[in-house]
Amino acid sequence: MKNNRKGIYQLILQFVDRQDLVFQALKDLRPQILISTGAITWEELEHSPKSRFEIAQTGYWGEDYEWKYFIHGLGCKLVHTQTKEPIEWNTPNLRSFDMYWFINWLNWYLKSGIDHENSEFAKFQHANDIETFVVSSLLELERGKLITHLSSQYPNEYTVIVNTDQDDKTSS
């Protein structure tokens, strides 16, 4: 399980990094959401934001409008129009992730045929056990102090703990 833990942790880090796209989309589309949660300040905006009612709740975003977006509550879901990659995030913490949104992304990742170094662990997992595998991995990563629950109010939400010993812990 130690190699699997390192693999799943690396995929969590990759997913968390991908959430920056959702942050950028919200910054362009509905910066008021980011401002209301303290993720950014008015001063950090490069342009004056449009009224929240001038931007549709759903639409297309990106340099070539390659992402379909759906704005919900304090977050947004992006789905790439060609690859179908789903990325979903709630403000304000970019190191936080929802377990089920990660599972959705992981299912996409495993089916995408992308040959990354981290896909090696996935060969041992069955699609119908992926949720069980992720839940047990999250518990193990939490015991290893690599992630933590945000609060009991949001039982599916975890935060990646940033520290300098992470490489040592994932290899043990």
N, C-alpha and C. Protein backbone atom coordinates (compact mmCIF):
# COMPACT_ATOMS: atom_id res chain seq x y z
N MET A 1 0.83 -1.21 0.00
CA MET A 1 0.00 0.00 0.00
C MET A 1 0.86 1.26 0.00
N LYS A 2 2.11 1.15 0.43
CA LYS A 2 2.95 2.34 0.51
C LYS A 2 3.16 2.96 -0.86
N ASN A 3 3.41 2.15 -1.88
CA ASN A 3 3.55 2.69 -3.23
C ASN A 3 2.24 3.28 -3.73
N ASN A 4 1.12 2.60 -3.39
CA ASN A 4 -0.19 3.12 -3.78
C ASN A 4 -0.46 4.44 -3.08
N ARG A 5 -0.04 4.55 -1.81
CA ARG A 5 -0.26 5.80 -1.08
C ARG A 5 0.50 6.93 -1.75
N LYS A 6 1.73 6.67 -2.13
CA LYS A 6 2.52 7.70 -2.80
C LYS A 6 1.87 8.07 -4.13
N GLY A 7 1.38 7.07 -4.87
CA GLY A 7 0.72 7.33 -6.15
C GLY A 7 -0.54 8.13 -6.01
N ILE A 8 -1.39 7.76 -5.05
CA ILE A 8 -2.65 8.49 -4.87
C ILE A 8 -2.37 9.90 -4.36
N TYR A 9 -1.37 10.05 -3.50
CA TYR A 9 -1.01 11.38 -3.01
C TYR A 9 -0.53 12.26 -4.17
N GLN A 10 0.27 11.71 -5.06
CA GLN A 10 0.75 12.49 -6.21
C GLN A 10 -0.43 12.89 -7.10
N LEU A 11 -1.41 12.01 -7.25
CA LEU A 11 -2.59 12.35 -8.05
C LEU A 11 -3.44 13.41 -7.37
N ILE A 12 -3.53 13.35 -6.05
CA ILE A 12 -4.25 14.40 -5.32
C ILE A 12 -3.56 15.74 -5.55
N LEU A 13 -2.23 15.75 -5.46
CA LEU A 13 -1.49 17.00 -5.70
C LEU A 13 -1.73 17.50 -7.12
N GLN A 14 -1.77 16.59 -8.07
CA GLN A 14 -2.03 16.98 -9.46
C GLN A 14 -3.43 17.58 -9.60
N PHE A 15 -4.42 16.93 -8.99
CA PHE A 15 -5.79 17.44 -9.03
C PHE A 15 -5.88 18.82 -8.37
N VAL A 16 -5.26 18.96 -7.21
CA VAL A 16 -5.28 20.24 -6.50
C VAL A 16 -4.63 21.33 -7.36
N ASP A 17 -3.53 20.99 -8.03
CA ASP A 17 -2.91 21.96 -8.95
C ASP A 17 -3.86 22.34 -10.09
N ARG A 18 -4.61 21.38 -10.60
CA ARG A 18 -5.55 21.65 -11.70
C ARG A 18 -6.67 22.59 -11.28
N GLN A 19 -6.98 22.61 -9.97
CA GLN A 19 -8.05 23.48 -9.48
C GLN A 19 -7.73 24.96 -9.73
N ASP A 20 -6.47 25.29 -9.98
CA ASP A 20 -6.11 26.67 -10.29
C ASP A 20 -6.86 27.17 -11.53
N LEU A 21 -7.17 26.25 -12.45
CA LEU A 21 -7.97 26.64 -13.62
C LEU A 21 -9.35 27.14 -13.21
N VAL A 22 -9.95 26.48 -12.23
CA VAL A 22 -11.27 26.91 -11.75
C VAL A 22 -11.14 28.27 -11.08
N PHE A 23 -10.08 28.46 -10.31
CA PHE A 23 -9.82 29.76 -9.68
C PHE A 23 -9.74 30.84 -10.76
N GLN A 24 -8.98 30.58 -11.83
CA GLN A 24 -8.83 31.57 -12.91
C GLN A 24 -10.17 31.84 -13.59
N ALA A 25 -10.96 30.78 -13.80
CA ALA A 25 -12.28 30.96 -14.41
C ALA A 25 -13.16 31.84 -13.53
N LEU A 26 -13.19 31.55 -12.23
CA LEU A 26 -14.00 32.38 -11.33
C LEU A 26 -13.48 33.81 -11.27
N LYS A 27 -12.17 33.96 -11.32
CA LYS A 27 -11.59 35.31 -11.29
C LYS A 27 -12.06 36.11 -12.51
N ASP A 28 -12.16 35.44 -13.66
CA ASP A 28 -12.65 36.10 -14.88
C ASP A 28 -14.16 36.26 -14.89
N LEU A 29 -14.87 35.23 -14.46
CA LEU A 29 -16.32 35.19 -14.63
C LEU A 29 -17.09 35.79 -13.45
N ARG A 30 -16.73 35.42 -12.24
CA ARG A 30 -17.44 35.87 -11.04
C ARG A 30 -16.47 36.18 -9.91
N PRO A 31 -15.64 37.20 -10.09
CA PRO A 31 -14.66 37.51 -9.04
C PRO A 31 -15.31 37.85 -7.70
N GLN A 32 -16.57 38.26 -7.73
CA GLN A 32 -17.27 38.57 -6.48
C GLN A 32 -17.29 37.37 -5.54
N ILE A 33 -17.36 36.16 -6.11
CA ILE A 33 -17.36 34.95 -5.27
C ILE A 33 -16.02 34.84 -4.55
N LEU A 34 -14.93 35.04 -5.28
CA LEU A 34 -13.60 34.96 -4.67
C LEU A 34 -13.41 36.06 -3.63
N ILE A 35 -13.90 37.24 -3.93
CA ILE A 35 -13.77 38.36 -3.00
C ILE A 35 -14.59 38.10 -1.74
N SER A 36 -15.80 37.58 -1.91
CA SER A 36 -16.68 37.35 -0.75
C SER A 36 -16.11 36.31 0.21
N THR A 37 -15.26 35.40 -0.29
CA THR A 37 -14.69 34.36 0.57
C THR A 37 -13.28 34.71 1.05
N GLY A 38 -12.76 35.83 0.59
CA GLY A 38 -11.42 36.23 0.99
C GLY A 38 -10.31 35.60 0.17
N ALA A 39 -10.66 34.92 -0.92
CA ALA A 39 -9.64 34.29 -1.77
C ALA A 39 -8.80 35.34 -2.50
N ILE A 40 -9.42 36.47 -2.83
CA ILE A 40 -8.72 37.61 -3.44
C ILE A 40 -9.33 38.90 -2.88
N THR A 41 -8.67 40.00 -3.18
CA THR A 41 -9.20 41.32 -2.81
C THR A 41 -9.51 42.08 -4.09
N TRP A 42 -10.27 43.15 -3.95
CA TRP A 42 -10.59 43.99 -5.11
C TRP A 42 -9.32 44.48 -5.79
N GLU A 43 -8.32 44.78 -5.00
CA GLU A 43 -7.07 45.31 -5.54
C GLU A 43 -6.34 44.30 -6.44
N GLU A 44 -6.60 43.02 -6.25
CA GLU A 44 -5.91 41.99 -7.03
C GLU A 44 -6.50 41.78 -8.42
N LEU A 45 -7.62 42.42 -8.71
CA LEU A 45 -8.25 42.26 -10.01
C LEU A 45 -7.55 43.13 -11.05
N GLU A 46 -7.30 42.56 -12.23
CA GLU A 46 -6.67 43.31 -13.30
C GLU A 46 -7.67 44.22 -14.03
N HIS A 47 -8.93 43.91 -13.92
CA HIS A 47 -9.97 44.67 -14.61
C HIS A 47 -11.17 44.80 -13.68
N SER A 48 -12.03 45.73 -14.00
CA SER A 48 -13.26 45.88 -13.22
C SER A 48 -14.18 44.73 -13.52
N PRO A 49 -14.66 44.07 -12.48
CA PRO A 49 -15.54 42.92 -12.72
C PRO A 49 -16.90 43.35 -13.24
N LYS A 50 -17.45 42.49 -14.07
CA LYS A 50 -18.82 42.72 -14.53
C LYS A 50 -19.76 42.37 -13.39
N SER A 51 -20.97 42.84 -13.48
CA SER A 51 -21.98 42.47 -12.51
C SER A 51 -22.17 40.96 -12.56
N ARG A 52 -22.41 40.37 -11.41
CA ARG A 52 -22.60 38.92 -11.38
C ARG A 52 -23.76 38.47 -12.28
N PHE A 53 -24.66 39.38 -12.64
CA PHE A 53 -25.80 39.00 -13.47
C PHE A 53 -25.49 39.12 -14.96
N GLU A 54 -24.35 39.74 -15.31
CA GLU A 54 -23.97 39.87 -16.71
C GLU A 54 -23.31 38.60 -17.23
N ILE A 55 -22.86 37.74 -16.35
CA ILE A 55 -22.20 36.49 -16.73
C ILE A 55 -23.16 35.34 -16.43
N ALA A 56 -23.40 34.52 -17.43
CA ALA A 56 -24.32 33.39 -17.26
C ALA A 56 -23.75 32.37 -16.27
N GLN A 57 -24.64 31.63 -15.63
CA GLN A 57 -24.23 30.58 -14.69
C GLN A 57 -23.52 29.44 -15.42
N THR A 58 -23.85 29.23 -16.68
CA THR A 58 -23.19 28.21 -17.49
C THR A 58 -22.74 28.85 -18.80
N GLY A 59 -21.70 28.28 -19.36
CA GLY A 59 -21.19 28.80 -20.63
C GLY A 59 -19.84 28.19 -20.93
N TYR A 60 -19.09 28.91 -21.73
CA TYR A 60 -17.76 28.43 -22.13
C TYR A 60 -16.73 29.47 -21.74
N TRP A 61 -15.58 28.99 -21.31
CA TRP A 61 -14.51 29.86 -20.83
C TRP A 61 -13.16 29.30 -21.30
N GLY A 62 -12.19 30.16 -21.37
CA GLY A 62 -10.83 29.76 -21.72
C GLY A 62 -10.36 30.55 -22.93
N GLU A 63 -9.08 30.44 -23.21
CA GLU A 63 -8.50 31.17 -24.33
C GLU A 63 -9.22 30.86 -25.64
N ASP A 64 -9.55 29.59 -25.84
CA ASP A 64 -10.29 29.17 -27.03
C ASP A 64 -11.68 28.65 -26.67
N TYR A 65 -12.19 29.06 -25.52
CA TYR A 65 -13.49 28.60 -25.01
C TYR A 65 -13.54 27.08 -24.96
N GLU A 66 -12.43 26.50 -24.50
CA GLU A 66 -12.29 25.04 -24.46
C GLU A 66 -12.85 24.40 -23.20
N TRP A 67 -13.32 25.22 -22.26
CA TRP A 67 -13.88 24.70 -21.01
C TRP A 67 -15.35 25.08 -20.90
N LYS A 68 -16.19 24.11 -20.64
CA LYS A 68 -17.59 24.39 -20.31
C LYS A 68 -17.62 24.61 -18.80
N TYR A 69 -18.26 25.69 -18.36
CA TYR A 69 -18.30 25.97 -16.93
C TYR A 69 -19.72 25.94 -16.40
N PHE A 70 -19.81 25.64 -15.12
CA PHE A 70 -21.08 25.71 -14.38
C PHE A 70 -20.74 26.30 -13.01
N ILE A 71 -21.23 27.51 -12.75
CA ILE A 71 -20.98 28.19 -11.49
C ILE A 71 -22.06 27.77 -10.50
N HIS A 72 -21.62 27.35 -9.31
CA HIS A 72 -22.56 26.90 -8.28
C HIS A 72 -22.11 27.41 -6.92
N GLY A 73 -23.00 27.96 -6.15
CA GLY A 73 -22.68 28.40 -4.79
C GLY A 73 -21.39 29.19 -4.73
N LEU A 74 -20.41 28.66 -4.00
CA LEU A 74 -19.11 29.32 -3.87
C LEU A 74 -18.06 28.64 -4.74
N GLY A 75 -18.48 27.97 -5.79
CA GLY A 75 -17.52 27.27 -6.62
C GLY A 75 -17.95 27.18 -8.07
N CYS A 76 -17.23 26.32 -8.77
CA CYS A 76 -17.44 26.18 -10.21
C CYS A 76 -16.94 24.81 -10.65
N LYS A 77 -17.57 24.29 -11.66
CA LYS A 77 -17.12 23.05 -12.29
C LYS A 77 -16.75 23.37 -13.73
N LEU A 78 -15.57 22.91 -14.13
CA LEU A 78 -15.12 23.02 -15.51
C LEU A 78 -15.06 21.62 -16.11
N VAL A 79 -15.46 21.51 -17.37
CA VAL A 79 -15.30 20.25 -18.11
C VAL A 79 -14.70 20.63 -19.46
N HIS A 80 -13.56 20.03 -19.78
CA HIS A 80 -12.90 20.33 -21.04
C HIS A 80 -13.76 19.79 -22.19
N THR A 81 -13.94 20.61 -23.21
CA THR A 81 -14.85 20.23 -24.30
C THR A 81 -14.34 19.05 -25.13
N GLN A 82 -13.04 18.86 -25.20
CA GLN A 82 -12.50 17.74 -25.99
C GLN A 82 -12.15 16.54 -25.13
N THR A 83 -11.38 16.75 -24.07
CA THR A 83 -10.91 15.62 -23.26
C THR A 83 -11.93 15.16 -22.23
N LYS A 84 -12.91 16.01 -21.93
CA LYS A 84 -13.95 15.77 -20.92
C LYS A 84 -13.40 15.75 -19.49
N GLU A 85 -12.19 16.29 -19.29
CA GLU A 85 -11.63 16.37 -17.94
C GLU A 85 -12.53 17.24 -17.05
N PRO A 86 -12.99 16.70 -15.91
CA PRO A 86 -13.79 17.50 -14.98
C PRO A 86 -12.92 18.03 -13.84
N ILE A 87 -13.03 19.31 -13.57
CA ILE A 87 -12.33 19.92 -12.43
C ILE A 87 -13.35 20.77 -11.69
N GLU A 88 -13.50 20.50 -10.41
CA GLU A 88 -14.48 21.24 -9.62
C GLU A 88 -13.82 21.70 -8.32
N TRP A 89 -14.17 22.91 -7.90
CA TRP A 89 -13.56 23.49 -6.71
C TRP A 89 -14.50 24.51 -6.08
N ASN A 90 -14.43 24.59 -4.75
CA ASN A 90 -15.12 25.63 -3.98
C ASN A 90 -14.08 26.55 -3.37
N THR A 91 -14.37 27.85 -3.35
CA THR A 91 -13.46 28.81 -2.75
C THR A 91 -13.46 28.63 -1.23
N PRO A 92 -12.51 29.13 -0.51
CA PRO A 92 -11.42 29.99 -0.92
C PRO A 92 -10.06 29.29 -1.02
N ASN A 93 -9.90 28.09 -0.47
CA ASN A 93 -8.57 27.48 -0.29
C ASN A 93 -8.21 26.59 -1.48
N LEU A 94 -7.20 26.96 -2.23
CA LEU A 94 -6.78 26.16 -3.40
C LEU A 94 -6.12 24.85 -3.02
N ARG A 95 -5.74 24.65 -1.77
CA ARG A 95 -5.18 23.37 -1.34
C ARG A 95 -6.26 22.41 -0.87
N SER A 96 -7.51 22.86 -0.82
CA SER A 96 -8.61 22.01 -0.38
C SER A 96 -9.27 21.34 -1.58
N PHE A 97 -9.80 20.15 -1.34
CA PHE A 97 -10.48 19.42 -2.41
C PHE A 97 -11.60 18.59 -1.82
N ASP A 98 -12.61 18.37 -2.62
CA ASP A 98 -13.73 17.51 -2.25
C ASP A 98 -13.41 16.10 -2.70
N MET A 99 -13.56 15.15 -1.81
CA MET A 99 -13.25 13.75 -2.10
C MET A 99 -13.99 13.24 -3.34
N TYR A 100 -15.27 13.55 -3.48
CA TYR A 100 -16.04 13.03 -4.60
C TYR A 100 -15.68 13.73 -5.91
N TRP A 101 -15.30 15.00 -5.84
CA TRP A 101 -14.84 15.68 -7.04
C TRP A 101 -13.49 15.10 -7.48
N PHE A 102 -12.66 14.75 -6.49
CA PHE A 102 -11.40 14.08 -6.82
C PHE A 102 -11.67 12.71 -7.44
N ILE A 103 -12.62 11.95 -6.90
CA ILE A 103 -12.96 10.64 -7.46
C ILE A 103 -13.46 10.79 -8.90
N ASN A 104 -14.28 11.79 -9.17
CA ASN A 104 -14.75 12.04 -10.55
C ASN A 104 -13.57 12.29 -11.47
N TRP A 105 -12.64 13.13 -11.01
CA TRP A 105 -11.45 13.44 -11.81
C TRP A 105 -10.60 12.19 -11.98
N LEU A 106 -10.42 11.41 -10.91
CA LEU A 106 -9.60 10.20 -10.96
C LEU A 106 -10.21 9.19 -11.93
N ASN A 107 -11.51 9.02 -11.92
CA ASN A 107 -12.16 8.12 -12.89
C ASN A 107 -11.88 8.59 -14.32
N TRP A 108 -11.97 9.92 -14.54
CA TRP A 108 -11.63 10.45 -15.87
C TRP A 108 -10.18 10.14 -16.19
N TYR A 109 -9.30 10.40 -15.25
CA TYR A 109 -7.86 10.20 -15.44
C TYR A 109 -7.55 8.75 -15.82
N LEU A 110 -8.16 7.81 -15.11
CA LEU A 110 -7.89 6.40 -15.37
C LEU A 110 -8.43 5.96 -16.73
N LYS A 111 -9.54 6.55 -17.15
CA LYS A 111 -10.13 6.20 -18.45
C LYS A 111 -9.51 6.98 -19.61
N SER A 112 -8.80 8.05 -19.31
CA SER A 112 -8.31 8.95 -20.36
C SER A 112 -7.18 8.35 -21.19
N GLY A 113 -6.52 7.34 -20.66
CA GLY A 113 -5.41 6.75 -21.38
C GLY A 113 -4.14 7.56 -21.29
N ILE A 114 -4.14 8.58 -20.46
CA ILE A 114 -2.94 9.39 -20.26
C ILE A 114 -1.90 8.51 -19.59
N ASP A 115 -0.72 8.48 -20.14
CA ASP A 115 0.34 7.64 -19.59
C ASP A 115 1.28 8.50 -18.76
N HIS A 116 0.92 8.66 -17.49
CA HIS A 116 1.76 9.40 -16.55
C HIS A 116 2.44 8.40 -15.63
N GLU A 117 3.50 8.83 -14.99
CA GLU A 117 4.21 7.95 -14.07
C GLU A 117 3.30 7.47 -12.93
N ASN A 118 2.30 8.28 -12.53
CA ASN A 118 1.43 7.91 -11.42
C ASN A 118 0.37 6.90 -11.82
N SER A 119 0.18 6.64 -13.10
CA SER A 119 -0.88 5.71 -13.49
C SER A 119 -0.52 4.27 -13.18
N GLU A 120 0.71 4.01 -12.81
CA GLU A 120 1.14 2.65 -12.49
C GLU A 120 0.29 2.04 -11.37
N PHE A 121 0.00 2.81 -10.32
CA PHE A 121 -0.77 2.27 -9.21
C PHE A 121 -2.19 1.92 -9.64
N ALA A 122 -2.71 2.63 -10.62
CA ALA A 122 -4.10 2.46 -11.02
C ALA A 122 -4.36 1.10 -11.65
N LYS A 123 -3.34 0.46 -12.18
CA LYS A 123 -3.53 -0.84 -12.80
C LYS A 123 -4.04 -1.87 -11.80
N PHE A 124 -3.83 -1.62 -10.53
CA PHE A 124 -4.24 -2.57 -9.50
C PHE A 124 -5.64 -2.29 -8.98
N GLN A 125 -6.26 -1.25 -9.46
CA GLN A 125 -7.58 -0.86 -8.96
C GLN A 125 -8.66 -1.22 -9.99
N HIS A 126 -9.80 -1.61 -9.48
CA HIS A 126 -10.97 -1.88 -10.33
C HIS A 126 -11.88 -0.67 -10.25
N ALA A 127 -12.50 -0.35 -11.36
CA ALA A 127 -13.35 0.84 -11.42
C ALA A 127 -14.39 0.86 -10.31
N ASN A 128 -14.99 -0.30 -9.99
CA ASN A 128 -16.03 -0.31 -8.96
C ASN A 128 -15.46 -0.18 -7.55
N ASP A 129 -14.16 -0.35 -7.36
CA ASP A 129 -13.59 -0.17 -6.03
C ASP A 129 -12.92 1.18 -5.85
N ILE A 130 -12.94 2.03 -6.85
CA ILE A 130 -12.14 3.25 -6.78
C ILE A 130 -12.55 4.12 -5.58
N GLU A 131 -13.85 4.18 -5.30
CA GLU A 131 -14.29 4.98 -4.15
C GLU A 131 -13.76 4.39 -2.85
N THR A 132 -13.86 3.08 -2.68
CA THR A 132 -13.34 2.42 -1.48
C THR A 132 -11.84 2.63 -1.37
N PHE A 133 -11.14 2.48 -2.48
CA PHE A 133 -9.70 2.68 -2.49
C PHE A 133 -9.33 4.11 -2.09
N VAL A 134 -10.04 5.10 -2.65
CA VAL A 134 -9.75 6.50 -2.33
C VAL A 134 -10.04 6.79 -0.87
N VAL A 135 -11.18 6.32 -0.36
CA VAL A 135 -11.53 6.58 1.04
C VAL A 135 -10.46 6.00 1.97
N SER A 136 -10.04 4.76 1.73
CA SER A 136 -9.02 4.16 2.60
C SER A 136 -7.68 4.88 2.44
N SER A 137 -7.36 5.31 1.22
CA SER A 137 -6.12 6.06 1.00
C SER A 137 -6.15 7.40 1.72
N LEU A 138 -7.30 8.08 1.69
CA LEU A 138 -7.41 9.37 2.37
C LEU A 138 -7.22 9.21 3.88
N LEU A 139 -7.79 8.13 4.43
CA LEU A 139 -7.60 7.87 5.86
C LEU A 139 -6.12 7.65 6.18
N GLU A 140 -5.45 6.90 5.34
CA GLU A 140 -4.03 6.64 5.54
C GLU A 140 -3.20 7.92 5.38
N LEU A 141 -3.54 8.72 4.38
CA LEU A 141 -2.82 9.99 4.17
C LEU A 141 -3.08 10.96 5.32
N GLU A 142 -4.29 10.90 5.88
CA GLU A 142 -4.60 11.75 7.02
C GLU A 142 -3.78 11.31 8.25
N ARG A 143 -3.69 10.01 8.46
CA ARG A 143 -2.85 9.51 9.57
C ARG A 143 -1.38 9.89 9.36
N GLY A 144 -0.94 9.93 8.12
CA GLY A 144 0.43 10.31 7.81
C GLY A 144 0.64 11.82 7.78
N LYS A 145 -0.39 12.57 8.13
CA LYS A 145 -0.34 14.04 8.21
C LYS A 145 0.04 14.69 6.87
N LEU A 146 -0.45 14.10 5.78
CA LEU A 146 -0.26 14.68 4.45
C LEU A 146 -1.49 15.47 4.02
N ILE A 147 -2.64 15.08 4.58
CA ILE A 147 -3.90 15.79 4.33
C ILE A 147 -4.64 15.88 5.66
N THR A 148 -5.65 16.74 5.69
CA THR A 148 -6.49 16.86 6.88
C THR A 148 -7.91 17.21 6.46
N HIS A 149 -8.89 16.86 7.32
CA HIS A 149 -10.26 17.32 7.10
C HIS A 149 -10.31 18.81 7.41
N LEU A 150 -11.09 19.54 6.64
CA LEU A 150 -11.29 20.95 6.94
C LEU A 150 -12.08 21.11 8.22
N SER A 151 -13.21 20.43 8.28
CA SER A 151 -14.06 20.51 9.47
C SER A 151 -15.09 19.40 9.39
N SER A 152 -15.73 19.16 10.52
CA SER A 152 -16.79 18.14 10.52
C SER A 152 -18.01 18.62 9.74
N GLN A 153 -18.12 19.92 9.51
CA GLN A 153 -19.23 20.46 8.74
C GLN A 153 -19.16 20.02 7.28
N TYR A 154 -17.95 19.80 6.76
CA TYR A 154 -17.75 19.38 5.38
C TYR A 154 -16.98 18.06 5.37
N PRO A 155 -17.66 16.94 5.62
CA PRO A 155 -16.95 15.65 5.78
C PRO A 155 -16.25 15.15 4.52
N ASN A 156 -16.59 15.66 3.36
CA ASN A 156 -15.95 15.21 2.12
C ASN A 156 -14.78 16.09 1.70
N GLU A 157 -14.52 17.14 2.47
CA GLU A 157 -13.51 18.12 2.08
C GLU A 157 -12.22 17.91 2.87
N TYR A 158 -11.13 17.87 2.14
CA TYR A 158 -9.80 17.68 2.72
C TYR A 158 -8.90 18.82 2.27
N THR A 159 -7.81 19.02 3.01
CA THR A 159 -6.81 20.01 2.64
C THR A 159 -5.45 19.33 2.62
N VAL A 160 -4.68 19.63 1.59
CA VAL A 160 -3.31 19.14 1.51
C VAL A 160 -2.48 19.95 2.49
N ILE A 161 -1.74 19.27 3.34
CA ILE A 161 -0.87 19.94 4.30
C ILE A 161 0.46 20.19 3.62
N VAL A 162 0.88 21.42 3.65
CA VAL A 162 2.15 21.78 3.01
C VAL A 162 3.23 21.82 4.08
N ASN A 163 4.24 20.95 3.89
CA ASN A 163 5.41 21.00 4.76
C ASN A 163 6.61 20.45 4.00
N THR A 164 7.76 20.66 4.50
CA THR A 164 9.00 20.28 3.80
C THR A 164 9.31 18.81 3.91
N ASP A 165 8.63 18.07 4.78
CA ASP A 165 8.91 16.65 4.96
C ASP A 165 8.05 15.75 4.09
N GLN A 166 7.24 16.31 3.18
CA GLN A 166 6.29 15.51 2.43
C GLN A 166 6.96 14.41 1.62
N ASP A 167 8.06 14.68 0.97
CA ASP A 167 8.73 13.65 0.17
C ASP A 167 9.16 12.49 1.04
N ASP A 168 9.67 12.78 2.24
CA ASP A 168 10.09 11.71 3.13
C ASP A 168 8.91 10.87 3.57
N LYS A 169 7.79 11.52 3.87
CA LYS A 169 6.62 10.80 4.37
C LYS A 169 5.98 9.94 3.28
N THR A 170 5.95 10.41 2.04
CA THR A 170 5.31 9.62 0.98
C THR A 170 6.16 8.44 0.58
N SER A 171 7.45 8.47 0.86
CA SER A 171 8.28 7.34 0.48
C SER A 171 8.42 6.32 1.59
N SER A 172 7.90 6.63 2.77
CA SER A 172 8.00 5.66 3.88
C SER A 172 6.88 4.67 3.86
